[in-house]
Amino acid sequence: MAASRLPPGTLTLKQFLRRQQVLLLYRRILQAIRQIPNACDRQYLKHWAREEFERNKSATEEDTIQMMITQGNIQLKELEKTLALAKS
């Protein structure tokens, strides 16, 4: 087997794509939080989101990461629904 030319610690393509999914989810959550009118609630949710991502950043199991991304997307959709109802 040929030695890899990549430096140690370089992400595989699969890891890179998964990382992009996580970053996109984080950005979308922060964008949704910016729409919250109450500054105190906005700050609380921003802190909560950051804490959740920080707490889970060491996860390496592929199934676990995918499950967390799915849960994050569900929570994001619920937040977006709540914001849409609050605006109407």
Protein backbone atom coordinates (compact mmCIF):
# COMPACT_ATOMS: atom_id res chain seq x y z
CA MET A 1 0.00 0.00 0.00
CA ALA A 2 1.39 3.40 -0.98
CA ALA A 3 2.14 5.94 1.72
CA SER A 4 -0.26 8.85 1.87
CA ARG A 5 1.05 12.20 0.66
CA LEU A 6 -1.32 14.04 2.95
CA PRO A 7 -0.03 15.44 6.23
CA PRO A 8 -1.19 13.69 9.40
CA GLY A 9 -4.47 15.06 10.72
CA THR A 10 -5.86 15.83 7.26
CA LEU A 11 -9.57 15.10 6.91
CA THR A 12 -10.82 12.44 4.54
CA LEU A 13 -13.35 13.50 1.92
CA LYS A 14 -16.17 11.99 3.96
CA GLN A 15 -15.05 13.83 7.11
CA PHE A 16 -14.70 17.07 5.16
CA LEU A 17 -18.23 16.79 3.76
CA ARG A 18 -19.66 15.94 7.19
CA ARG A 19 -17.85 18.96 8.67
CA GLN A 20 -19.42 21.15 5.99
CA GLN A 21 -22.87 19.80 6.94
CA VAL A 22 -22.27 20.64 10.59
CA LEU A 23 -21.02 24.15 9.82
CA LEU A 24 -24.00 24.81 7.54
CA LEU A 25 -26.38 23.66 10.27
CA TYR A 26 -24.66 25.93 12.81
CA ARG A 27 -24.88 28.92 10.47
CA ARG A 28 -28.56 28.26 9.74
CA ILE A 29 -29.34 28.01 13.46
CA LEU A 30 -27.56 31.31 14.14
CA GLN A 31 -29.44 32.97 11.26
CA ALA A 32 -32.75 31.77 12.68
CA ILE A 33 -31.80 32.97 16.17
CA ARG A 34 -31.07 36.46 14.78
CA GLN A 35 -34.76 36.76 13.89
CA ILE A 36 -35.87 36.44 17.52
CA PRO A 37 -37.16 39.85 18.65
CA ASN A 38 -36.36 39.55 22.38
CA ALA A 39 -32.65 40.23 22.97
CA CYS A 40 -32.52 38.15 26.15
CA ASP A 41 -34.04 35.10 24.41
CA ARG A 42 -31.77 35.63 21.42
CA GLN A 43 -28.67 35.67 23.65
CA TYR A 44 -29.83 32.59 25.58
CA LEU A 45 -30.41 30.57 22.41
CA LYS A 46 -27.14 31.70 20.86
CA HIS A 47 -25.31 30.56 24.00
CA TRP A 48 -27.24 27.27 24.00
CA ALA A 49 -26.39 26.55 20.35
CA ARG A 50 -22.71 27.30 20.82
CA GLU A 51 -22.56 25.14 23.95
CA GLU A 52 -24.23 22.19 22.17
CA PHE A 53 -21.81 22.32 19.25
CA GLU A 54 -18.81 22.73 21.55
CA ARG A 55 -19.94 19.81 23.72
CA ASN A 56 -20.24 17.48 20.73
CA LYS A 57 -17.21 18.57 18.70
CA SER A 58 -15.15 15.59 19.78
CA ALA A 59 -17.65 13.05 18.41
CA THR A 60 -16.06 10.75 15.84
CA GLU A 61 -18.62 7.96 15.37
CA GLU A 62 -20.24 8.45 11.95
CA ASP A 63 -23.71 7.27 13.02
CA THR A 64 -23.65 9.49 16.10
CA ILE A 65 -22.68 12.55 14.08
CA GLN A 66 -25.41 11.89 11.52
CA MET A 67 -27.98 11.45 14.31
CA MET A 68 -26.92 14.77 15.88
CA ILE A 69 -27.17 16.53 12.50
CA THR A 70 -30.68 15.10 12.03
CA GLN A 71 -31.73 16.23 15.53
CA GLY A 72 -30.26 19.67 14.89
CA ASN A 73 -32.22 20.01 11.65
CA ILE A 74 -35.43 19.00 13.44
CA GLN A 75 -34.82 21.59 16.16
CA LEU A 76 -34.03 24.22 13.53
CA LYS A 77 -37.30 23.52 11.71
CA GLU A 78 -39.22 23.81 14.98
CA LEU A 79 -37.53 27.13 15.72
CA GLU A 80 -38.36 28.39 12.22
CA LYS A 81 -42.00 27.30 12.62
CA THR A 82 -42.24 29.07 15.96
CA LEU A 83 -40.77 32.26 14.48
CA ALA A 84 -43.17 32.10 11.54
CA LEU A 85 -46.14 31.71 13.92
CA ALA A 86 -44.92 34.60 16.06
CA LYS A 87 -44.73 36.88 13.02
CA SER A 88 -48.28 36.10 11.87
